[in-house]
Amino acid sequence: MKKIFKFMPILFLVTFSVNAQEGAEAGKAIFNNRCASCHAVGKKLVGPDLKDVDQRHNQEWIVNFVRHSQQVIKSGDKAAVTLFEEYNKTLMPDHLDLTAADIDHILNFIKEESVKVANAPSSPIVPDRYKPYKGESSLWHQILYLDLPGNHTPVTKNDTQFWFVLTVIFIVIVSVFYAVVKVNQFVDKLDKNNPPSNQ
């Protein structure tokens, strides 16, 4: 009898772990169908980042907010109003058909994903041969690898200076090619008009 009691806590933990895993799987399916278009775990989308949301709000608050967020906001709940204001008063649709158990499953999934995000490396692992050169860069190195000094941002259609310079470079290249062709035509014409004399 004592042996049975010794194994009871282990059995309870195994059962709890299996149930949490099954809940997370069910929660993933619901999350992907209902939440993923506006929310993610580890980054902001249309709505807030849900990483560790269970540590910012208690379960009762989360259930109420998921099921009828607009009602919670209208009640003057400080956290709900702050979220509403922060996200440009974007209304989250009510999910009255989700039960407390459904939302619990979603939370189990979010908890698992939060742990994965927390344990993920902060930056991608890059093999040594691909790591940026840390020493002094020669002009040739800078041109070859586009390792140019300064802060770089993507080019936009409003970047008039870039487009002006690019247009000038294009015109110069076209002009050089045109001049080379004209010079060759002129030389050919001279050769035809002045054939070499046979002595």
N, C-alpha and C. Protein backbone atom coordinates (compact mmCIF):
# COMPACT_ATOMS: atom_id res chain seq x y z
N MET A 1 0.83 -1.21 0.00
CA MET A 1 0.00 0.00 0.00
C MET A 1 0.87 1.26 0.00
N LYS A 2 1.95 1.23 0.80
CA LYS A 2 2.84 2.38 0.86
C LYS A 2 3.48 2.64 -0.49
N LYS A 3 3.80 1.57 -1.23
CA LYS A 3 4.42 1.71 -2.55
C LYS A 3 3.48 2.45 -3.50
N ILE A 4 2.19 2.16 -3.40
CA ILE A 4 1.20 2.82 -4.26
C ILE A 4 1.20 4.32 -3.99
N PHE A 5 1.24 4.69 -2.69
CA PHE A 5 1.24 6.11 -2.32
C PHE A 5 2.51 6.81 -2.81
N LYS A 6 3.64 6.08 -2.87
CA LYS A 6 4.90 6.67 -3.34
C LYS A 6 4.78 7.05 -4.82
N PHE A 7 4.07 6.24 -5.58
CA PHE A 7 3.96 6.48 -7.02
C PHE A 7 2.82 7.43 -7.39
N MET A 8 1.96 7.75 -6.44
CA MET A 8 0.82 8.62 -6.72
C MET A 8 1.24 10.00 -7.23
N PRO A 9 2.22 10.68 -6.58
CA PRO A 9 2.63 12.00 -7.09
C PRO A 9 3.19 11.91 -8.52
N ILE A 10 3.96 10.85 -8.80
CA ILE A 10 4.53 10.68 -10.14
C ILE A 10 3.41 10.49 -11.15
N LEU A 11 2.44 9.65 -10.79
CA LEU A 11 1.31 9.40 -11.67
C LEU A 11 0.52 10.68 -11.92
N PHE A 12 0.36 11.48 -10.87
CA PHE A 12 -0.36 12.75 -11.00
C PHE A 12 0.37 13.69 -11.95
N LEU A 13 1.72 13.79 -11.79
CA LEU A 13 2.51 14.67 -12.64
C LEU A 13 2.47 14.23 -14.09
N VAL A 14 2.57 12.92 -14.33
CA VAL A 14 2.53 12.39 -15.70
C VAL A 14 1.17 12.71 -16.33
N THR A 15 0.11 12.47 -15.58
CA THR A 15 -1.25 12.74 -16.07
C THR A 15 -1.43 14.22 -16.37
N PHE A 16 -0.93 15.07 -15.45
CA PHE A 16 -1.04 16.52 -15.63
C PHE A 16 -0.27 16.97 -16.87
N SER A 17 0.93 16.41 -17.05
CA SER A 17 1.78 16.76 -18.19
C SER A 17 1.12 16.35 -19.51
N VAL A 18 0.54 15.13 -19.53
CA VAL A 18 -0.14 14.65 -20.74
C VAL A 18 -1.34 15.52 -21.06
N ASN A 19 -2.11 15.88 -20.02
CA ASN A 19 -3.29 16.73 -20.23
C ASN A 19 -2.90 18.12 -20.73
N ALA A 20 -1.79 18.66 -20.16
CA ALA A 20 -1.32 19.98 -20.59
C ALA A 20 -0.87 19.93 -22.04
N GLN A 21 -0.19 18.82 -22.41
CA GLN A 21 0.27 18.67 -23.80
C GLN A 21 -0.91 18.58 -24.76
N GLU A 22 -1.91 17.78 -24.38
CA GLU A 22 -3.12 17.66 -25.22
C GLU A 22 -3.83 19.00 -25.31
N GLY A 23 -3.86 19.72 -24.17
CA GLY A 23 -4.49 21.05 -24.16
C GLY A 23 -3.76 22.01 -25.07
N ALA A 24 -2.42 21.95 -25.07
CA ALA A 24 -1.62 22.83 -25.92
C ALA A 24 -1.87 22.52 -27.39
N GLU A 25 -2.01 21.24 -27.72
CA GLU A 25 -2.30 20.86 -29.13
C GLU A 25 -3.67 21.39 -29.56
N ALA A 26 -4.65 21.22 -28.68
CA ALA A 26 -5.99 21.75 -28.99
C ALA A 26 -5.94 23.27 -29.08
N GLY A 27 -5.17 23.88 -28.17
CA GLY A 27 -5.03 25.33 -28.16
C GLY A 27 -4.36 25.85 -29.42
N LYS A 28 -3.39 25.10 -29.94
CA LYS A 28 -2.71 25.50 -31.19
C LYS A 28 -3.70 25.58 -32.34
N ALA A 29 -4.56 24.58 -32.43
CA ALA A 29 -5.56 24.56 -33.51
C ALA A 29 -6.50 25.76 -33.40
N ILE A 30 -6.96 26.05 -32.19
CA ILE A 30 -7.87 27.19 -32.00
C ILE A 30 -7.14 28.49 -32.27
N PHE A 31 -5.90 28.60 -31.77
CA PHE A 31 -5.10 29.80 -31.96
C PHE A 31 -4.90 30.09 -33.44
N ASN A 32 -4.54 29.05 -34.20
CA ASN A 32 -4.30 29.23 -35.64
C ASN A 32 -5.57 29.66 -36.38
N ASN A 33 -6.72 29.14 -35.94
CA ASN A 33 -8.00 29.48 -36.60
C ASN A 33 -8.54 30.83 -36.18
N ARG A 34 -8.34 31.18 -34.91
CA ARG A 34 -9.00 32.37 -34.37
C ARG A 34 -8.08 33.56 -34.12
N CYS A 35 -6.82 33.30 -33.76
CA CYS A 35 -5.97 34.37 -33.22
C CYS A 35 -4.80 34.78 -34.12
N ALA A 36 -4.30 33.82 -34.92
CA ALA A 36 -3.02 34.02 -35.62
C ALA A 36 -3.04 35.15 -36.64
N SER A 37 -4.22 35.55 -37.11
CA SER A 37 -4.26 36.64 -38.10
C SER A 37 -3.92 37.98 -37.45
N CYS A 38 -4.09 38.09 -36.13
CA CYS A 38 -3.82 39.37 -35.45
C CYS A 38 -2.74 39.28 -34.37
N HIS A 39 -2.45 38.06 -33.91
CA HIS A 39 -1.53 37.89 -32.78
C HIS A 39 -0.45 36.86 -33.09
N ALA A 40 0.69 37.03 -32.43
CA ALA A 40 1.78 36.05 -32.48
C ALA A 40 2.41 35.99 -31.11
N VAL A 41 3.25 34.97 -30.92
CA VAL A 41 3.99 34.84 -29.66
C VAL A 41 5.44 35.19 -29.96
N GLY A 42 5.87 36.33 -29.45
CA GLY A 42 7.25 36.76 -29.69
C GLY A 42 7.36 37.98 -30.56
N LYS A 43 6.23 38.47 -31.11
CA LYS A 43 6.26 39.70 -31.89
C LYS A 43 4.87 40.29 -31.99
N LYS A 44 4.83 41.61 -32.23
CA LYS A 44 3.56 42.32 -32.37
C LYS A 44 3.08 42.20 -33.80
N LEU A 45 1.79 42.02 -33.98
CA LEU A 45 1.17 42.07 -35.30
C LEU A 45 0.12 43.19 -35.25
N VAL A 46 -1.09 42.88 -35.66
CA VAL A 46 -2.18 43.86 -35.53
C VAL A 46 -2.46 44.12 -34.06
N GLY A 47 -2.38 43.04 -33.26
CA GLY A 47 -2.60 43.13 -31.83
C GLY A 47 -1.30 42.89 -31.07
N PRO A 48 -1.37 42.93 -29.74
CA PRO A 48 -0.15 42.81 -28.94
C PRO A 48 0.51 41.43 -29.01
N ASP A 49 1.79 41.41 -28.70
CA ASP A 49 2.56 40.18 -28.57
C ASP A 49 2.00 39.40 -27.37
N LEU A 50 1.68 38.13 -27.59
CA LEU A 50 1.06 37.33 -26.52
C LEU A 50 2.06 36.55 -25.67
N LYS A 51 3.36 36.76 -25.93
CA LYS A 51 4.37 36.08 -25.11
C LYS A 51 4.16 36.45 -23.64
N ASP A 52 4.07 35.42 -22.78
CA ASP A 52 3.92 35.58 -21.33
C ASP A 52 2.68 36.39 -20.95
N VAL A 53 1.62 36.32 -21.77
CA VAL A 53 0.41 37.07 -21.45
C VAL A 53 -0.19 36.60 -20.12
N ASP A 54 0.03 35.32 -19.79
CA ASP A 54 -0.49 34.78 -18.52
C ASP A 54 0.20 35.38 -17.31
N GLN A 55 1.38 35.99 -17.53
CA GLN A 55 2.09 36.63 -16.42
C GLN A 55 1.68 38.10 -16.27
N ARG A 56 1.05 38.65 -17.31
CA ARG A 56 0.61 40.04 -17.25
C ARG A 56 -0.83 40.17 -16.77
N HIS A 57 -1.62 39.12 -17.02
CA HIS A 57 -3.05 39.16 -16.64
C HIS A 57 -3.43 37.81 -16.04
N ASN A 58 -4.40 37.83 -15.13
CA ASN A 58 -4.86 36.56 -14.56
C ASN A 58 -5.82 35.88 -15.54
N GLN A 59 -6.07 34.61 -15.28
CA GLN A 59 -6.85 33.81 -16.22
C GLN A 59 -8.28 34.33 -16.38
N GLU A 60 -8.87 34.78 -15.30
CA GLU A 60 -10.25 35.29 -15.37
C GLU A 60 -10.32 36.50 -16.30
N TRP A 61 -9.33 37.40 -16.18
CA TRP A 61 -9.30 38.60 -17.03
C TRP A 61 -9.16 38.20 -18.50
N ILE A 62 -8.25 37.24 -18.75
CA ILE A 62 -8.01 36.80 -20.13
C ILE A 62 -9.27 36.19 -20.73
N VAL A 63 -9.94 35.33 -19.97
CA VAL A 63 -11.17 34.69 -20.45
C VAL A 63 -12.22 35.76 -20.79
N ASN A 64 -12.41 36.71 -19.87
CA ASN A 64 -13.39 37.77 -20.11
C ASN A 64 -13.02 38.61 -21.34
N PHE A 65 -11.75 38.94 -21.47
CA PHE A 65 -11.32 39.80 -22.58
C PHE A 65 -11.45 39.08 -23.92
N VAL A 66 -11.08 37.80 -23.96
CA VAL A 66 -11.19 37.04 -25.21
C VAL A 66 -12.65 36.90 -25.61
N ARG A 67 -13.51 36.61 -24.65
CA ARG A 67 -14.92 36.35 -24.97
C ARG A 67 -15.68 37.63 -25.33
N HIS A 68 -15.43 38.74 -24.61
CA HIS A 68 -16.12 40.00 -24.94
C HIS A 68 -15.25 41.19 -24.55
N SER A 69 -14.23 41.42 -25.39
CA SER A 69 -13.26 42.49 -25.12
C SER A 69 -13.92 43.87 -25.08
N GLN A 70 -14.88 44.11 -25.96
CA GLN A 70 -15.51 45.43 -26.02
C GLN A 70 -16.26 45.75 -24.73
N GLN A 71 -16.86 44.72 -24.15
CA GLN A 71 -17.57 44.91 -22.89
C GLN A 71 -16.58 45.25 -21.77
N VAL A 72 -15.40 44.56 -21.78
CA VAL A 72 -14.38 44.82 -20.75
C VAL A 72 -13.84 46.24 -20.91
N ILE A 73 -13.63 46.68 -22.15
CA ILE A 73 -13.13 48.05 -22.41
C ILE A 73 -14.16 49.07 -21.92
N LYS A 74 -15.45 48.84 -22.25
CA LYS A 74 -16.51 49.78 -21.85
C LYS A 74 -16.69 49.85 -20.34
N SER A 75 -16.28 48.77 -19.65
CA SER A 75 -16.39 48.77 -18.18
C SER A 75 -15.36 49.70 -17.54
N GLY A 76 -14.37 50.16 -18.35
CA GLY A 76 -13.35 51.07 -17.83
C GLY A 76 -12.14 50.34 -17.28
N ASP A 77 -12.04 49.02 -17.51
CA ASP A 77 -10.88 48.26 -17.04
C ASP A 77 -9.60 48.92 -17.56
N LYS A 78 -8.69 49.28 -16.64
CA LYS A 78 -7.51 50.07 -17.00
C LYS A 78 -6.63 49.36 -18.03
N ALA A 79 -6.35 48.06 -17.81
CA ALA A 79 -5.49 47.31 -18.73
C ALA A 79 -6.12 47.21 -20.11
N ALA A 80 -7.42 46.95 -20.15
CA ALA A 80 -8.13 46.82 -21.43
C ALA A 80 -8.15 48.15 -22.18
N VAL A 81 -8.41 49.25 -21.49
CA VAL A 81 -8.45 50.57 -22.12
C VAL A 81 -7.06 50.94 -22.64
N THR A 82 -6.01 50.63 -21.86
CA THR A 82 -4.64 50.93 -22.28
C THR A 82 -4.30 50.20 -23.57
N LEU A 83 -4.65 48.90 -23.65
CA LEU A 83 -4.42 48.13 -24.88
C LEU A 83 -5.19 48.72 -26.05
N PHE A 84 -6.44 49.07 -25.81
CA PHE A 84 -7.30 49.64 -26.85
C PHE A 84 -6.68 50.92 -27.41
N GLU A 85 -6.19 51.79 -26.51
CA GLU A 85 -5.59 53.05 -26.93
C GLU A 85 -4.25 52.80 -27.66
N GLU A 86 -3.45 51.87 -27.12
CA GLU A 86 -2.12 51.60 -27.69
C GLU A 86 -2.21 51.08 -29.12
N TYR A 87 -3.25 50.31 -29.42
CA TYR A 87 -3.40 49.72 -30.74
C TYR A 87 -4.44 50.45 -31.60
N ASN A 88 -4.39 51.79 -31.50
CA ASN A 88 -5.19 52.67 -32.36
C ASN A 88 -6.69 52.36 -32.33
N LYS A 89 -7.17 51.97 -31.15
CA LYS A 89 -8.60 51.69 -30.95
C LYS A 89 -9.12 50.62 -31.93
N THR A 90 -8.24 49.67 -32.22
CA THR A 90 -8.65 48.54 -33.06
C THR A 90 -9.47 47.59 -32.22
N LEU A 91 -10.67 47.29 -32.67
CA LEU A 91 -11.55 46.41 -31.89
C LEU A 91 -11.22 44.95 -32.13
N MET A 92 -11.08 44.22 -31.04
CA MET A 92 -10.90 42.77 -31.14
C MET A 92 -12.29 42.15 -31.17
N PRO A 93 -12.56 41.27 -32.14
CA PRO A 93 -13.90 40.67 -32.20
C PRO A 93 -14.19 39.81 -30.97
N ASP A 94 -15.43 39.77 -30.57
CA ASP A 94 -15.83 38.92 -29.44
C ASP A 94 -15.83 37.46 -29.88
N HIS A 95 -15.49 36.58 -28.95
CA HIS A 95 -15.47 35.13 -29.21
C HIS A 95 -16.34 34.44 -28.15
N LEU A 96 -17.63 34.75 -28.21
CA LEU A 96 -18.54 34.25 -27.18
C LEU A 96 -18.72 32.73 -27.24
N ASP A 97 -18.40 32.13 -28.39
CA ASP A 97 -18.57 30.68 -28.52
C ASP A 97 -17.42 29.91 -27.88
N LEU A 98 -16.31 30.60 -27.56
CA LEU A 98 -15.19 29.91 -26.91
C LEU A 98 -15.48 29.73 -25.43
N THR A 99 -15.30 28.51 -24.96
CA THR A 99 -15.52 28.23 -23.54
C THR A 99 -14.26 28.57 -22.75
N ALA A 100 -14.39 28.57 -21.44
CA ALA A 100 -13.22 28.80 -20.58
C ALA A 100 -12.18 27.72 -20.82
N ALA A 101 -12.63 26.49 -21.11
CA ALA A 101 -11.70 25.38 -21.39
C ALA A 101 -10.95 25.63 -22.70
N ASP A 102 -11.66 26.14 -23.71
CA ASP A 102 -11.01 26.47 -24.99
C ASP A 102 -9.91 27.50 -24.78
N ILE A 103 -10.23 28.54 -24.01
CA ILE A 103 -9.26 29.61 -23.77
C ILE A 103 -8.09 29.09 -22.93
N ASP A 104 -8.37 28.17 -22.02
CA ASP A 104 -7.31 27.54 -21.23
C ASP A 104 -6.36 26.78 -22.16
N HIS A 105 -6.91 26.07 -23.15
CA HIS A 105 -6.08 25.36 -24.12
C HIS A 105 -5.21 26.35 -24.91
N ILE A 106 -5.81 27.47 -25.31
CA ILE A 106 -5.04 28.49 -26.04
C ILE A 106 -3.90 28.98 -25.15
N LEU A 107 -4.19 29.21 -23.87
CA LEU A 107 -3.15 29.68 -22.94
C LEU A 107 -2.04 28.66 -22.77
N ASN A 108 -2.40 27.37 -22.73
CA ASN A 108 -1.37 26.33 -22.64
C ASN A 108 -0.45 26.38 -23.85
N PHE A 109 -1.03 26.59 -25.02
CA PHE A 109 -0.23 26.71 -26.24
C PHE A 109 0.67 27.94 -26.17
N ILE A 110 0.11 29.07 -25.74
CA ILE A 110 0.89 30.31 -25.64
C ILE A 110 2.04 30.15 -24.64
N LYS A 111 1.78 29.46 -23.54
CA LYS A 111 2.84 29.23 -22.54
C LYS A 111 3.98 28.42 -23.15
N GLU A 112 3.64 27.37 -23.88
CA GLU A 112 4.67 26.54 -24.52
C GLU A 112 5.47 27.37 -25.52
N GLU A 113 4.78 28.15 -26.34
CA GLU A 113 5.46 28.98 -27.33
C GLU A 113 6.31 30.06 -26.67
N SER A 114 5.84 30.59 -25.54
CA SER A 114 6.61 31.61 -24.81
C SER A 114 7.93 31.05 -24.32
N VAL A 115 7.91 29.81 -23.85
CA VAL A 115 9.15 29.15 -23.40
C VAL A 115 10.10 28.97 -24.58
N LYS A 116 9.56 28.55 -25.72
CA LYS A 116 10.40 28.36 -26.92
C LYS A 116 11.04 29.68 -27.35
N VAL A 117 10.25 30.75 -27.34
CA VAL A 117 10.78 32.06 -27.74
C VAL A 117 11.86 32.51 -26.76
N ALA A 118 11.61 32.30 -25.45
CA ALA A 118 12.58 32.72 -24.44
C ALA A 118 13.89 31.94 -24.56
N ASN A 119 13.81 30.67 -24.97
CA ASN A 119 15.01 29.83 -25.06
C ASN A 119 15.68 29.88 -26.43
N ALA A 120 15.05 30.56 -27.38
CA ALA A 120 15.63 30.63 -28.73
C ALA A 120 16.86 31.53 -28.69
N PRO A 121 17.88 31.22 -29.51
CA PRO A 121 19.06 32.09 -29.55
C PRO A 121 18.66 33.48 -30.01
N SER A 122 19.32 34.49 -29.43
CA SER A 122 18.95 35.87 -29.72
C SER A 122 19.30 36.28 -31.14
N SER A 123 20.30 35.63 -31.73
CA SER A 123 20.64 35.93 -33.12
C SER A 123 20.99 34.63 -33.82
N PRO A 124 20.83 34.56 -35.13
CA PRO A 124 21.12 33.32 -35.82
C PRO A 124 22.58 32.92 -35.70
N ILE A 125 22.82 31.61 -35.64
CA ILE A 125 24.19 31.10 -35.56
C ILE A 125 24.77 31.13 -36.97
N VAL A 126 25.83 31.90 -37.14
CA VAL A 126 26.44 32.07 -38.45
C VAL A 126 27.81 31.41 -38.45
N PRO A 127 28.10 30.55 -39.43
CA PRO A 127 29.44 29.96 -39.49
C PRO A 127 30.50 31.05 -39.58
N ASP A 128 31.71 30.75 -39.05
CA ASP A 128 32.78 31.75 -39.00
C ASP A 128 33.07 32.37 -40.35
N ARG A 129 33.03 31.55 -41.41
CA ARG A 129 33.42 32.08 -42.72
C ARG A 129 32.45 33.13 -43.24
N TYR A 130 31.25 33.20 -42.65
CA TYR A 130 30.28 34.19 -43.10
C TYR A 130 30.19 35.40 -42.18
N LYS A 131 30.98 35.40 -41.11
CA LYS A 131 30.90 36.53 -40.19
C LYS A 131 31.54 37.75 -40.81
N PRO A 132 30.98 38.96 -40.52
CA PRO A 132 31.53 40.18 -41.13
C PRO A 132 32.99 40.37 -40.75
N TYR A 133 33.74 40.96 -41.68
CA TYR A 133 35.14 41.27 -41.44
C TYR A 133 35.23 42.39 -40.42
N LYS A 134 36.06 42.20 -39.39
CA LYS A 134 36.10 43.17 -38.29
C LYS A 134 37.24 44.17 -38.42
N GLY A 135 38.23 43.90 -39.29
CA GLY A 135 39.39 44.79 -39.40
C GLY A 135 39.13 45.97 -40.31
N GLU A 136 40.22 46.66 -40.68
CA GLU A 136 40.11 47.78 -41.62
C GLU A 136 39.75 47.26 -43.00
N SER A 137 38.76 47.85 -43.63
CA SER A 137 38.33 47.42 -44.96
C SER A 137 39.00 48.29 -46.02
N SER A 138 39.65 47.63 -46.98
CA SER A 138 40.21 48.38 -48.10
C SER A 138 39.06 48.82 -49.01
N LEU A 139 39.36 49.77 -49.92
CA LEU A 139 38.34 50.23 -50.86
C LEU A 139 37.85 49.07 -51.72
N TRP A 140 38.77 48.20 -52.15
CA TRP A 140 38.41 47.04 -52.97
C TRP A 140 37.46 46.11 -52.20
N HIS A 141 37.76 45.87 -50.93
CA HIS A 141 36.91 45.02 -50.09
C HIS A 141 35.52 45.62 -49.94
N GLN A 142 35.48 46.95 -49.75
CA GLN A 142 34.19 47.63 -49.58
C GLN A 142 33.34 47.53 -50.84
N ILE A 143 33.99 47.66 -52.01
CA ILE A 143 33.25 47.57 -53.27
C ILE A 143 32.80 46.14 -53.53
N LEU A 144 33.70 45.18 -53.32
CA LEU A 144 33.41 43.78 -53.63
C LEU A 144 32.30 43.22 -52.75
N TYR A 145 32.33 43.54 -51.46
CA TYR A 145 31.35 42.98 -50.52
C TYR A 145 30.28 43.98 -50.11
N LEU A 146 30.24 45.12 -50.77
CA LEU A 146 29.30 46.18 -50.41
C LEU A 146 29.38 46.52 -48.93
N ASP A 147 30.61 46.43 -48.40
CA ASP A 147 30.85 46.69 -46.98
C ASP A 147 31.14 48.18 -46.80
N LEU A 148 30.17 49.01 -47.13
CA LEU A 148 30.38 50.45 -47.11
C LEU A 148 30.05 51.01 -45.74
N PRO A 149 30.85 51.97 -45.26
CA PRO A 149 30.58 52.54 -43.93
C PRO A 149 29.31 53.37 -43.93
N GLY A 150 28.76 53.56 -42.74
CA GLY A 150 27.57 54.40 -42.59
C GLY A 150 26.32 53.59 -42.29
N ASN A 151 25.24 54.31 -41.98
CA ASN A 151 23.96 53.68 -41.70
C ASN A 151 23.20 53.52 -43.01
N HIS A 152 22.76 52.30 -43.30
CA HIS A 152 22.11 52.02 -44.57
C HIS A 152 20.64 51.70 -44.34
N THR A 153 19.80 52.27 -45.20
CA THR A 153 18.36 51.99 -45.15
C THR A 153 17.89 51.63 -46.55
N PRO A 154 16.80 50.89 -46.66
CA PRO A 154 16.30 50.53 -48.00
C PRO A 154 15.97 51.77 -48.82
N VAL A 155 16.19 51.69 -50.12
CA VAL A 155 15.89 52.81 -51.02
C VAL A 155 14.37 52.88 -51.22
N THR A 156 13.84 54.10 -51.18
CA THR A 156 12.41 54.31 -51.43
C THR A 156 12.25 55.16 -52.68
N LYS A 157 11.04 55.20 -53.21
CA LYS A 157 10.80 55.99 -54.42
C LYS A 157 10.90 57.48 -54.14
N ASN A 158 10.89 57.88 -52.88
CA ASN A 158 11.01 59.30 -52.52
C ASN A 158 12.46 59.74 -52.32
N ASP A 159 13.40 58.82 -52.45
CA ASP A 159 14.82 59.15 -52.27
C ASP A 159 15.36 59.78 -53.56
N THR A 160 15.07 61.07 -53.75
CA THR A 160 15.39 61.76 -55.02
C THR A 160 16.88 61.79 -55.31
N GLN A 161 17.70 61.93 -54.28
CA GLN A 161 19.15 62.00 -54.51
C GLN A 161 19.66 60.70 -55.13
N PHE A 162 19.21 59.56 -54.60
CA PHE A 162 19.65 58.26 -55.12
C PHE A 162 19.22 58.10 -56.58
N TRP A 163 17.93 58.41 -56.87
CA TRP A 163 17.43 58.22 -58.22
C TRP A 163 18.09 59.18 -59.21
N PHE A 164 18.42 60.39 -58.76
CA PHE A 164 19.11 61.34 -59.61
C PHE A 164 20.51 60.82 -59.97
N VAL A 165 21.25 60.37 -58.96
CA VAL A 165 22.60 59.83 -59.20
C VAL A 165 22.52 58.62 -60.12
N LEU A 166 21.56 57.72 -59.87
CA LEU A 166 21.41 56.53 -60.71
C LEU A 166 21.10 56.91 -62.16
N THR A 167 20.24 57.92 -62.35
CA THR A 167 19.90 58.38 -63.70
C THR A 167 21.12 58.96 -64.40
N VAL A 168 21.91 59.76 -63.68
CA VAL A 168 23.12 60.35 -64.27
C VAL A 168 24.10 59.25 -64.68
N ILE A 169 24.29 58.26 -63.81
CA ILE A 169 25.20 57.15 -64.13
C ILE A 169 24.71 56.42 -65.38
N PHE A 170 23.41 56.17 -65.46
CA PHE A 170 22.84 55.48 -66.62
C PHE A 170 23.08 56.29 -67.90
N ILE A 171 22.84 57.61 -67.83
CA ILE A 171 23.03 58.47 -69.00
C ILE A 171 24.50 58.47 -69.44
N VAL A 172 25.41 58.53 -68.46
CA VAL A 172 26.85 58.51 -68.77
C VAL A 172 27.23 57.20 -69.46
N ILE A 173 26.75 56.07 -68.95
CA ILE A 173 27.07 54.77 -69.55
C ILE A 173 26.54 54.69 -70.98
N VAL A 174 25.28 55.09 -71.18
CA VAL A 174 24.67 55.07 -72.52
C VAL A 174 25.45 55.99 -73.46
N SER A 175 25.83 57.18 -72.96
CA SER A 175 26.58 58.13 -73.78
C SER A 175 27.94 57.58 -74.21
N VAL A 176 28.63 56.91 -73.29
CA VAL A 176 29.93 56.31 -73.60
C VAL A 176 29.77 55.25 -74.69
N PHE A 177 28.78 54.37 -74.53
CA PHE A 177 28.55 53.33 -75.55
C PHE A 177 28.21 53.97 -76.91
N TYR A 178 27.37 55.00 -76.87
CA TYR A 178 26.98 55.68 -78.12
C TYR A 178 28.22 56.30 -78.79
N ALA A 179 29.07 56.93 -78.00
CA ALA A 179 30.28 57.56 -78.54
C ALA A 179 31.21 56.52 -79.15
N VAL A 180 31.36 55.37 -78.46
CA VAL A 180 32.22 54.29 -78.98
C VAL A 180 31.70 53.80 -80.32
N VAL A 181 30.39 53.61 -80.44
CA VAL A 181 29.79 53.14 -81.68
C VAL A 181 30.02 54.17 -82.79
N LYS A 182 29.80 55.45 -82.51
CA LYS A 182 29.97 56.51 -83.51
C LYS A 182 31.43 56.62 -83.96
N VAL A 183 32.36 56.49 -83.01
CA VAL A 183 33.79 56.55 -83.36
C VAL A 183 34.14 55.38 -84.27
N ASN A 184 33.65 54.19 -83.95
CA ASN A 184 33.91 53.01 -84.79
C ASN A 184 33.33 53.20 -86.21
N GLN A 185 32.12 53.75 -86.28
CA GLN A 185 31.51 54.00 -87.60
C GLN A 185 32.32 55.02 -88.40
N PHE A 186 32.81 56.06 -87.71
CA PHE A 186 33.62 57.08 -88.38
C PHE A 186 34.93 56.49 -88.90
N VAL A 187 35.57 55.66 -88.08
CA VAL A 187 36.84 55.03 -88.49
C VAL A 187 36.60 54.10 -89.68
N ASP A 188 35.50 53.35 -89.65
CA ASP A 188 35.17 52.45 -90.77
C ASP A 188 34.94 53.26 -92.05
N LYS A 189 34.27 54.40 -91.93
CA LYS A 189 33.99 55.24 -93.09
C LYS A 189 35.29 55.80 -93.68
N LEU A 190 36.20 56.22 -92.80
CA LEU A 190 37.50 56.72 -93.26
C LEU A 190 38.28 55.64 -94.00
N ASP A 191 38.23 54.41 -93.43
CA ASP A 191 38.95 53.30 -94.08
C ASP A 191 38.40 53.02 -95.47
N LYS A 192 37.07 53.15 -95.62
CA LYS A 192 36.46 52.88 -96.94
C LYS A 192 36.82 53.98 -97.94
N ASN A 193 36.85 55.24 -97.49
CA ASN A 193 37.15 56.36 -98.37
C ASN A 193 38.64 56.46 -98.71
N ASN A 194 39.46 55.98 -97.86
CA ASN A 194 40.92 56.03 -98.08
C ASN A 194 41.50 54.62 -98.05
N PRO A 195 41.24 53.83 -99.07
CA PRO A 195 41.80 52.47 -99.08
C PRO A 195 43.33 52.53 -99.13
N PRO A 196 44.00 51.58 -98.54
CA PRO A 196 45.48 51.58 -98.59
C PRO A 196 45.97 51.44 -100.01
N SER A 197 46.97 52.26 -100.37
CA SER A 197 47.52 52.21 -101.74
C SER A 197 48.53 51.08 -101.86
N ASN A 198 48.48 50.39 -103.01
CA ASN A 198 49.45 49.29 -103.27
C ASN A 198 50.67 49.85 -103.98
N GLN A 199 51.80 49.70 -103.40
CA GLN A 199 53.04 50.19 -104.00
C GLN A 199 53.76 49.08 -104.72
